[in-house]
């Protein structure tokens, strides 16, 4: 069986390197820079405004702006922030961290555009709203087939790829306790437990997911950040060397272009994209669900989600690993076990237990956030009850399978499907970005007049919306 895994992994890995090294790398940077310029650096300029918007309640008792943020953050802030970042530091070196930060700042402009578009073209579905790239591709571009294609790729990416990966990361967090000889048995047990709990939530609906996310996400983030701050403060003397190494290796262009596909630049951007999802087309599905008076409000809120994910949570992992020098002493360890060893050097087994609990929360909230995205895209394809039942059962099965996957294959599959998803969404954003920019101008105009902005589609010259007439 292992030889088949190796063969598949070789093909997927080659495709993975090609997509990121020659196509997606440049497109993500170009799209992010384009919208950074066109919006006047909206991600930094109106960041305080996004904080203000978070305090608003929903207008009609639906999902609030804050709950939509927590759903997006639940999916963004997952084990990728721990396992993915640790893997990037070990494989790509500390320089990968700098490129994650740069990609977060540039990419948050793309996050603003895609989430604003999702709000403009959202649709009412009972008591909640639904939307995302599939919806604005169909309505604004007029290509339902392309919207269906995007939905299929997203379902494969999130319901199968990412959720399998989150399940795997939860299982791997317990390898520290189980030991290599008992790991497979423990992984199977964790897979069964996760499947049962996931089934309860997957069949529970979007409102239940939104409520649970708004409670769990702040708890898990706070626990992890406090632990990371404590480790950083204890090892504060290493900080000058840590920052020096990060920036020195990030801009060692001879090393970067000597092995581009495996360089700190590409690995940093790849892991950064997996973590914050800016421009990928996933977070707009959560952004569309918010009940706000103007689409730009949720666009600004999604910028905050990228900031929380990369600048705060990912950086926490970075300093845990680098200040304890575990990136040098990792040996054969990778992913979550590296972070566990880092924590253990400061807090012993108690710290490892706290981290394991945090990982379980991170991965679990990602499971339900990822499912939220996948369900909305399944509903775009069909509303058939039998199809939805089969879809939910498949999602539960993939949670179980994921706990027993190979690490490298799991990452490569998630990377490849994510790449195709991002490519389709970036193309759509290039064609439709002007609409989001017009909405931003309308929002700023109303704010300058001292108003709480209210959006009317006709004011920016569009008539093909469902909710803003």
Protein backbone atom coordinates (compact mmCIF):
# COMPACT_ATOMS: atom_id res chain seq x y z
CA UNK A 1 0.00 0.00 0.00
CA UNK A 2 2.84 2.37 0.86
CA UNK A 3 4.27 2.18 -2.69
CA UNK A 4 0.93 3.43 -4.08
CA UNK A 5 0.91 6.28 -1.56
CA UNK A 6 4.48 7.14 -2.60
CA UNK A 7 3.57 7.12 -6.31
CA UNK A 8 0.50 9.31 -5.81
CA UNK A 9 2.43 11.61 -3.53
CA UNK A 10 5.16 12.00 -6.16
CA UNK A 11 2.68 13.05 -8.86
CA UNK A 12 0.74 15.38 -6.57
CA UNK A 13 3.95 16.86 -5.16
CA UNK A 14 5.30 17.64 -8.65
CA UNK A 15 2.03 19.31 -9.65
CA UNK A 16 2.04 21.18 -6.36
CA UNK A 17 5.54 22.60 -6.95
CA UNK A 18 4.71 23.58 -10.52
CA UNK A 19 1.47 25.37 -9.63
CA UNK A 20 3.01 27.40 -6.83
CA UNK A 21 6.44 27.96 -8.35
CA UNK A 22 5.33 29.13 -11.79
CA UNK A 23 1.70 30.27 -11.66
CA UNK A 24 -0.07 30.90 -8.37
CA UNK A 25 2.90 32.57 -6.67
CA UNK A 26 2.91 35.41 -9.19
CA UNK A 27 -0.86 35.70 -9.58
CA UNK A 28 -1.50 36.05 -5.84
CA UNK A 29 1.12 38.77 -5.49
CA UNK A 30 -0.07 40.60 -8.61
CA UNK A 31 -3.77 40.51 -7.62
CA UNK A 32 -2.99 41.55 -4.05
CA UNK A 33 -0.79 44.45 -5.16
CA UNK A 34 -3.32 45.55 -7.78
CA UNK A 35 -6.15 45.82 -5.26
CA UNK A 36 -3.87 47.32 -2.62
CA UNK A 37 -3.20 50.17 -5.05
CA UNK A 38 -6.76 50.46 -6.40
CA UNK A 39 -8.31 50.65 -2.92
CA UNK A 40 -5.70 53.06 -1.58
CA UNK A 41 -4.27 50.47 0.83
CA UNK A 42 -7.73 49.91 2.33
CA UNK A 43 -6.46 47.06 4.52
CA UNK A 44 -4.40 49.50 6.59
CA UNK A 45 -6.19 52.79 6.00
CA UNK A 46 -9.64 51.61 7.15
CA UNK A 47 -8.55 48.97 9.65
CA UNK A 48 -9.96 51.00 12.61
CA UNK A 49 -13.26 51.28 10.73
CA UNK A 50 -13.40 47.49 10.52
CA UNK A 51 -13.01 47.30 14.30
CA UNK A 52 -15.92 49.73 14.70
CA UNK A 53 -18.15 47.68 12.38
CA UNK A 54 -17.61 44.57 14.50
CA UNK A 55 -19.67 46.13 17.29
CA UNK A 56 -22.80 46.30 15.13
CA UNK A 57 -25.60 43.78 15.59
CA UNK A 58 -27.44 42.04 12.75
CA UNK A 59 -30.32 43.98 11.30
CA UNK A 60 -32.87 41.16 10.98
CA UNK A 61 -31.80 38.65 13.61
CA UNK A 62 -29.57 36.73 11.20
CA UNK A 63 -25.85 36.05 11.46
CA UNK A 64 -24.10 39.17 12.80
CA UNK A 65 -20.93 40.67 11.37
CA UNK A 66 -19.04 39.33 14.39
CA UNK A 67 -20.45 35.80 14.00
CA UNK A 68 -19.54 35.82 10.29
CA UNK A 69 -16.04 36.91 11.29
CA UNK A 70 -15.83 34.04 13.78
CA UNK A 71 -16.97 31.51 11.15
CA UNK A 72 -14.32 32.80 8.74
CA UNK A 73 -11.72 32.86 11.52
CA UNK A 74 -12.77 29.36 12.63
CA UNK A 75 -11.84 28.09 9.19
CA UNK A 76 -8.76 30.31 8.81
CA UNK A 77 -7.44 29.77 12.32
CA UNK A 78 -6.88 26.05 12.37
CA UNK A 79 -4.02 23.64 12.76
CA UNK A 80 -2.44 25.29 9.72
CA UNK A 81 -1.50 28.07 12.13
CA UNK A 82 0.36 25.54 14.27
CA UNK A 83 1.33 22.55 12.11
CA UNK A 84 1.58 24.53 8.86
CA UNK A 85 3.70 27.31 10.30
CA UNK A 86 5.98 24.89 12.14
CA UNK A 87 6.41 22.91 8.92
CA UNK A 88 7.23 26.12 7.01
CA UNK A 89 9.88 27.11 9.56
CA UNK A 90 11.48 23.65 9.62
CA UNK A 91 11.45 23.08 5.85
CA UNK A 92 11.82 26.63 4.54
CA UNK A 93 13.76 28.18 7.38
CA UNK A 94 12.91 31.25 9.49
CA UNK A 95 12.84 33.42 6.34
CA UNK A 96 9.51 31.82 5.38
CA UNK A 97 7.93 33.73 8.28
CA UNK A 98 8.64 37.11 6.72
CA UNK A 99 6.99 36.06 3.47
CA UNK A 100 3.91 34.89 5.40
CA UNK A 101 3.67 38.36 6.95
CA UNK A 102 4.13 40.11 3.59
CA UNK A 103 1.53 37.87 1.95
CA UNK A 104 -0.95 38.62 4.75
CA UNK A 105 -0.65 42.39 4.23
CA UNK A 106 -0.84 42.19 0.44
CA UNK A 107 -3.45 39.45 0.43
CA UNK A 108 -5.81 41.22 2.81
CA UNK A 109 -6.65 43.64 -0.02
CA UNK A 110 -7.82 40.61 -2.03
CA UNK A 111 -9.78 39.44 1.03
CA UNK A 112 -11.53 42.81 1.10
CA UNK A 113 -12.49 42.63 -2.59
CA UNK A 114 -13.77 39.03 -2.57
CA UNK A 115 -15.78 39.49 0.62
CA UNK A 116 -17.34 42.75 -0.56
CA UNK A 117 -18.33 41.07 -3.83
CA UNK A 118 -19.83 38.16 -1.88
CA UNK A 119 -21.99 40.61 0.08
CA UNK A 120 -23.12 42.48 -3.04
CA UNK A 121 -24.25 39.29 -4.79
CA UNK A 122 -25.52 37.32 -1.79
CA UNK A 123 -28.94 35.65 -1.79
CA UNK A 124 -31.56 35.14 0.92
CA UNK A 125 -32.07 31.55 2.05
CA UNK A 126 -34.80 31.44 4.68
CA UNK A 127 -33.55 33.33 7.74
CA UNK A 128 -29.92 33.45 6.57
CA UNK A 129 -27.92 34.74 3.62
CA UNK A 130 -25.72 32.68 1.34
CA UNK A 131 -23.13 33.66 -1.22
CA UNK A 132 -19.52 33.49 -2.29
CA UNK A 133 -17.48 33.29 -5.50
CA UNK A 134 -19.85 30.80 -7.14
CA UNK A 135 -22.70 33.24 -6.68
CA UNK A 136 -20.90 36.31 -7.99
CA UNK A 137 -19.39 34.32 -10.86
CA UNK A 138 -22.88 33.22 -11.94
CA UNK A 139 -24.71 36.50 -11.35
CA UNK A 140 -22.10 39.10 -12.33
CA UNK A 141 -20.14 37.21 -15.00
CA UNK A 142 -23.06 35.11 -16.27
CA UNK A 143 -21.17 31.80 -16.23
CA UNK A 144 -23.01 29.30 -14.08
CA UNK A 145 -20.79 26.47 -15.33
CA UNK A 146 -17.73 28.28 -13.93
CA UNK A 147 -19.56 28.87 -10.64
CA UNK A 148 -20.39 25.15 -10.45
CA UNK A 149 -16.76 24.29 -11.21
CA UNK A 150 -15.59 26.57 -8.41
CA UNK A 151 -18.09 24.99 -6.00
CA UNK A 152 -16.90 21.49 -6.89
CA UNK A 153 -13.25 22.47 -6.32
CA UNK A 154 -14.15 24.15 -3.01
CA UNK A 155 -16.05 21.08 -1.81
CA UNK A 156 -13.10 18.84 -2.68
CA UNK A 157 -10.70 21.30 -0.99
CA UNK A 158 -12.62 21.91 2.23
CA UNK A 159 -14.92 18.94 2.81
CA UNK A 160 -12.29 16.42 1.73
CA UNK A 161 -8.81 17.99 1.66
CA UNK A 162 -8.79 20.49 4.51
CA UNK A 163 -11.12 18.59 6.82
CA UNK A 164 -9.08 15.43 6.33
CA UNK A 165 -5.99 17.46 7.17
CA UNK A 166 -7.54 18.95 10.30
CA UNK A 167 -8.58 15.47 11.43
CA UNK A 168 -5.05 14.20 10.77
CA UNK A 169 -3.54 17.05 12.80
CA UNK A 170 -5.80 16.32 15.77
CA UNK A 171 -4.72 12.68 15.69
CA UNK A 172 -1.03 13.59 15.33
CA UNK A 173 -1.27 15.85 18.39
CA UNK A 174 -1.91 12.73 20.48
CA UNK A 175 1.06 10.79 19.07
CA UNK A 176 3.12 12.33 21.88
CA UNK A 177 1.06 10.33 24.39
CA UNK A 178 0.32 7.20 22.36
CA UNK A 179 3.80 6.52 21.05
CA UNK A 180 4.59 5.27 17.55
CA UNK A 181 3.58 1.66 18.30
CA UNK A 182 0.02 2.57 19.37
CA UNK A 183 -0.51 5.59 17.15
CA UNK A 184 -2.62 3.94 14.43
CA UNK A 185 -5.06 2.52 16.97
CA UNK A 186 -5.35 5.90 18.71
CA UNK A 187 -5.79 7.68 15.35
CA UNK A 188 -8.67 5.35 14.45
CA UNK A 189 -10.36 6.02 17.80
CA UNK A 190 -9.97 9.78 17.41
CA UNK A 191 -11.31 9.52 13.87
CA UNK A 192 -14.47 7.78 15.13
CA UNK A 193 -14.99 10.32 17.92
CA UNK A 194 -14.52 13.28 15.57
CA UNK A 195 -16.89 11.74 13.04
CA UNK A 196 -19.67 11.40 15.63
CA UNK A 197 -19.32 14.97 16.92
CA UNK A 198 -18.97 16.35 13.37
CA UNK A 199 -22.11 14.53 12.25
CA UNK A 200 -24.07 16.25 15.03
CA UNK A 201 -22.92 19.69 13.84
CA UNK A 202 -22.97 19.02 10.09
CA UNK A 203 -26.63 18.07 10.33
CA UNK A 204 -27.37 20.96 12.69
CA UNK A 205 -27.38 23.87 10.23
CA UNK A 206 -25.57 27.18 9.70
CA UNK A 207 -27.02 29.02 12.70
CA UNK A 208 -25.74 26.39 15.15
CA UNK A 209 -22.30 26.54 13.49
CA UNK A 210 -22.25 30.35 13.71
CA UNK A 211 -23.20 30.35 17.39
CA UNK A 212 -20.67 27.68 18.37
CA UNK A 213 -17.88 29.37 16.40
CA UNK A 214 -18.50 32.73 18.08
CA UNK A 215 -17.95 31.04 21.45
CA UNK A 216 -15.09 28.62 20.74
CA UNK A 217 -12.86 30.73 18.49
CA UNK A 218 -12.09 33.50 21.05
CA UNK A 219 -11.44 30.84 23.73
CA UNK A 220 -9.01 28.79 21.66
CA UNK A 221 -7.18 31.83 20.32
CA UNK A 222 -6.78 33.34 23.80
CA UNK A 223 -5.36 30.14 25.31
CA UNK A 224 -2.81 29.74 22.55
CA UNK A 225 -1.75 33.40 22.44
CA UNK A 226 -1.25 33.59 26.23
CA UNK A 227 0.93 30.47 26.15
CA UNK A 228 2.93 31.83 23.21
CA UNK A 229 3.45 35.19 24.91
CA UNK A 230 4.66 33.49 28.07
CA UNK A 231 7.23 31.42 26.14
CA UNK A 232 8.39 34.50 24.21
CA UNK A 233 8.78 36.58 27.38
CA UNK A 234 10.72 33.79 29.11
CA UNK A 235 13.07 33.60 26.10
CA UNK A 236 13.12 37.36 25.40
CA UNK A 237 16.92 37.43 25.13
CA UNK A 238 16.72 35.43 21.89
CA UNK A 239 14.38 37.93 20.14
CA UNK A 240 17.07 40.11 18.47
CA UNK A 241 18.65 36.99 16.98
CA UNK A 242 15.23 35.62 15.94
CA UNK A 243 14.23 38.78 14.06
CA UNK A 244 17.68 39.08 12.53
CA UNK A 245 17.53 35.51 11.21
CA UNK A 246 13.99 35.94 9.86
CA UNK A 247 14.82 39.01 7.75
CA UNK A 248 18.30 37.87 6.74
CA UNK A 249 17.07 34.55 5.37
CA UNK A 250 13.92 36.06 3.84
CA UNK A 251 15.98 38.24 1.52
CA UNK A 252 18.81 35.83 0.72
CA UNK A 253 17.88 35.87 -2.96
CA UNK A 254 20.80 33.68 -4.02
CA UNK A 255 19.43 30.88 -1.84
CA UNK A 256 15.83 31.59 -2.86
CA UNK A 257 16.36 31.45 -6.62
CA UNK A 258 18.83 28.61 -6.33
CA UNK A 259 15.98 26.30 -5.33
CA UNK A 260 12.87 28.38 -5.96
CA UNK A 261 10.10 25.80 -5.54
CA UNK A 262 11.44 24.75 -2.14
CA UNK A 263 12.62 28.19 -1.05
CA UNK A 264 11.56 30.08 2.06
CA UNK A 265 9.68 32.53 -0.20
CA UNK A 266 7.46 29.92 -1.87
CA UNK A 267 6.99 27.83 1.29
CA UNK A 268 6.12 30.96 3.30
CA UNK A 269 3.56 32.17 0.75
CA UNK A 270 2.11 28.66 0.36
CA UNK A 271 1.68 28.15 4.11
CA UNK A 272 0.47 31.73 4.51
CA UNK A 273 -2.22 31.19 1.88
CA UNK A 274 -3.30 27.92 3.47
CA UNK A 275 -3.57 29.70 6.81
CA UNK A 276 -5.24 33.04 5.99
CA UNK A 277 -6.99 32.00 2.72
CA UNK A 278 -6.81 35.58 1.36
CA UNK A 279 -7.87 35.59 -2.30
CA UNK A 280 -8.65 31.89 -2.25
CA UNK A 281 -12.43 32.32 -2.37
CA UNK A 282 -13.35 30.52 0.84
CA UNK A 283 -13.90 33.30 3.39
CA UNK A 284 -16.41 35.12 1.11
CA UNK A 285 -18.84 32.28 1.83
CA UNK A 286 -18.84 33.35 5.49
CA UNK A 287 -18.75 37.06 4.63
CA UNK A 288 -21.92 36.69 2.53
CA UNK A 289 -23.83 35.25 5.49
CA UNK A 290 -23.54 38.47 7.55
CA UNK A 291 -26.56 40.75 7.92
CA UNK A 292 -25.06 44.24 7.38
CA UNK A 293 -26.28 47.54 5.93
CA UNK A 294 -23.42 47.89 3.42
CA UNK A 295 -21.24 45.23 1.70
CA UNK A 296 -18.03 47.13 2.43
CA UNK A 297 -18.57 46.62 6.17
CA UNK A 298 -18.01 42.88 5.87
CA UNK A 299 -15.14 43.41 3.46
CA UNK A 300 -13.38 45.42 6.18
CA UNK A 301 -14.20 42.78 8.80
CA UNK A 302 -12.56 40.07 6.68
CA UNK A 303 -9.36 42.12 6.62
CA UNK A 304 -9.37 41.81 10.42
CA UNK A 305 -9.76 38.03 10.08
CA UNK A 306 -6.58 37.85 7.98
CA UNK A 307 -4.79 39.98 10.59
CA UNK A 308 -5.94 37.73 13.45
CA UNK A 309 -4.93 34.63 11.55
CA UNK A 310 -1.46 35.49 10.30
CA UNK A 311 -0.09 38.46 12.20
CA UNK A 312 -1.30 37.22 15.60
CA UNK A 313 -1.89 33.44 15.60
CA UNK A 314 0.76 32.37 13.08
CA UNK A 315 3.31 34.68 14.71
CA UNK A 316 2.56 33.02 18.04
CA UNK A 317 3.68 29.68 16.60
CA UNK A 318 6.70 31.34 15.02
CA UNK A 319 7.99 32.71 18.31
CA UNK A 320 7.23 29.49 20.20
CA UNK A 321 9.43 27.53 17.78
CA UNK A 322 12.16 30.09 17.10
CA UNK A 323 12.73 31.42 20.63
CA UNK A 324 13.19 27.84 21.88
CA UNK A 325 15.50 27.12 18.89
CA UNK A 326 13.47 24.01 18.09
CA UNK A 327 13.62 24.68 14.33
CA UNK A 328 17.31 23.72 14.56
CA UNK A 329 16.87 20.84 17.01
CA UNK A 330 13.74 19.32 15.47
CA UNK A 331 15.52 16.29 13.99
CA UNK A 332 12.93 14.18 12.14
CA UNK A 333 10.01 15.94 13.81
CA UNK A 334 7.61 18.05 11.79
CA UNK A 335 4.31 19.88 12.21
CA UNK A 336 2.61 19.79 15.61
CA UNK A 337 5.22 17.55 17.33
CA UNK A 338 7.81 20.34 16.77
CA UNK A 339 5.59 22.85 18.59
CA UNK A 340 4.91 20.31 21.35
CA UNK A 341 8.64 19.87 21.92
CA UNK A 342 9.08 23.65 21.95
CA UNK A 343 6.40 24.06 24.60
CA UNK A 344 7.79 21.15 26.59
CA UNK A 345 11.17 22.90 26.98
CA UNK A 346 9.43 25.67 28.96
CA UNK A 347 6.31 24.18 30.58
CA UNK A 348 7.01 20.46 30.56
CA UNK A 349 4.18 17.96 30.14
CA UNK A 350 1.61 20.42 31.47
CA UNK A 351 2.38 22.73 28.55
CA UNK A 352 2.11 19.87 26.08
CA UNK A 353 -1.32 18.99 27.50
CA UNK A 354 -2.52 22.60 27.13
CA UNK A 355 -1.18 22.72 23.57
CA UNK A 356 -2.87 19.44 22.69
CA UNK A 357 -6.16 20.83 23.97
CA UNK A 358 -5.62 23.99 21.92
CA UNK A 359 -4.85 21.96 18.80
CA UNK A 360 -8.03 19.95 19.27
CA UNK A 361 -10.06 23.18 19.55
CA UNK A 362 -8.31 24.76 16.56
CA UNK A 363 -8.88 21.75 14.35
CA UNK A 364 -12.43 21.19 15.54
CA UNK A 365 -13.53 24.77 14.83
CA UNK A 366 -11.85 24.49 11.43
CA UNK A 367 -13.82 21.32 10.74
CA UNK A 368 -17.12 23.08 11.28
CA UNK A 369 -16.01 26.28 9.52
CA UNK A 370 -14.83 24.30 6.50
CA UNK A 371 -18.09 22.38 6.42
CA UNK A 372 -20.02 25.68 6.49
CA UNK A 373 -18.25 26.73 3.28
CA UNK A 374 -18.74 23.36 1.61
CA UNK A 375 -22.46 23.20 2.40
CA UNK A 376 -23.18 26.63 0.92
CA UNK A 377 -21.40 25.58 -2.27
CA UNK A 378 -23.23 22.28 -2.38
CA UNK A 379 -26.47 24.25 -2.14
CA UNK A 380 -25.33 26.34 -5.10
CA UNK A 381 -25.06 23.18 -7.19
CA UNK A 382 -28.27 21.51 -5.97
CA UNK A 383 -30.93 21.81 -3.27
CA UNK A 384 -31.84 18.12 -3.55
CA UNK A 385 -32.43 16.65 -0.08
CA UNK A 386 -31.02 13.25 -1.08
CA UNK A 387 -27.91 14.90 -2.54
CA UNK A 388 -27.43 16.97 0.63
CA UNK A 389 -27.79 13.84 2.78
CA UNK A 390 -25.17 12.00 0.71
CA UNK A 391 -22.91 15.07 0.89
CA UNK A 392 -23.13 15.26 4.70
CA UNK A 393 -22.43 11.56 5.08
CA UNK A 394 -19.37 11.89 2.79
CA UNK A 395 -18.12 14.83 4.89
CA UNK A 396 -18.35 12.73 8.05
CA UNK A 397 -16.54 9.80 6.39
CA UNK A 398 -13.70 12.08 5.25
CA UNK A 399 -13.20 13.26 8.83
CA UNK A 400 -12.57 9.65 9.82
CA UNK A 401 -10.31 8.89 6.85
CA UNK A 402 -8.26 12.03 7.46
CA UNK A 403 -7.14 10.85 10.89
CA UNK A 404 -5.24 8.00 9.19
CA UNK A 405 -3.65 9.88 6.26
CA UNK A 406 0.04 10.37 5.49
CA UNK A 407 1.27 13.89 6.42
CA UNK A 408 3.04 14.76 3.16
CA UNK A 409 0.23 13.46 0.97
CA UNK A 410 -2.37 15.28 3.06
CA UNK A 411 -0.55 18.62 2.71
CA UNK A 412 0.09 18.16 -1.03
CA UNK A 413 -3.54 17.31 -1.85
CA UNK A 414 -4.79 20.31 0.14
CA UNK A 415 -2.24 22.58 -1.56
CA UNK A 416 -3.15 21.48 -5.10
CA UNK A 417 -6.92 21.81 -4.70
CA UNK A 418 -6.43 25.15 -2.93
CA UNK A 419 -4.32 26.35 -5.85
CA UNK A 420 -7.01 25.58 -8.44
CA UNK A 421 -9.63 27.26 -6.26
CA UNK A 422 -7.52 30.39 -5.88
CA UNK A 423 -6.88 30.58 -9.63
CA UNK A 424 -10.59 30.56 -10.50
CA UNK A 425 -11.38 33.14 -7.81
CA UNK A 426 -8.51 35.44 -8.81
CA UNK A 427 -9.72 35.47 -12.41
CA UNK A 428 -13.23 36.38 -11.23
CA UNK A 429 -11.87 39.15 -8.97
CA UNK A 430 -9.90 40.69 -11.83
CA UNK A 431 -13.09 40.99 -13.88
CA UNK A 432 -15.33 42.13 -11.00
CA UNK A 433 -12.97 44.06 -8.74
CA UNK A 434 -14.13 47.41 -10.13
CA UNK A 435 -17.59 46.81 -8.64
CA UNK A 436 -16.13 46.34 -5.16
CA UNK A 437 -14.01 49.48 -5.63
CA UNK A 438 -17.15 51.47 -6.55
CA UNK A 439 -18.87 50.14 -3.43
CA UNK A 440 -15.87 51.30 -1.36
CA UNK A 441 -16.14 54.81 -2.80
CA UNK A 442 -19.86 54.84 -2.00
CA UNK A 443 -19.15 53.74 1.58
CA UNK A 444 -16.47 56.38 2.10
CA UNK A 445 -18.73 59.07 0.66
CA UNK A 446 -21.50 58.26 3.14
CA UNK A 447 -19.08 58.09 6.06
CA UNK A 448 -17.72 61.54 5.21
CA UNK A 449 -21.32 62.79 5.36
CA UNK A 450 -21.56 61.43 8.90
CA UNK A 451 -23.97 58.64 7.91
CA UNK A 452 -24.13 54.98 8.81
CA UNK A 453 -23.68 53.71 5.21
CA UNK A 454 -26.63 51.96 3.59
CA UNK A 455 -26.05 50.30 0.23
CA UNK A 456 -28.27 50.61 -2.83
CA UNK A 457 -26.96 48.73 -5.85
CA UNK A 458 -28.31 51.28 -8.30
CA UNK A 459 -26.09 53.95 -6.72
CA UNK A 460 -23.01 52.28 -8.21
CA UNK A 461 -24.71 51.35 -11.47
CA UNK A 462 -25.60 47.68 -11.00
CA UNK A 463 -29.04 46.09 -11.08
CA UNK A 464 -28.37 42.33 -10.98
CA UNK A 465 -28.41 41.85 -7.20
CA UNK A 466 -31.01 40.09 -5.04
CA UNK A 467 -30.69 41.89 -1.71
CA UNK A 468 -29.73 45.52 -2.41
CA UNK A 469 -32.49 46.89 -4.67
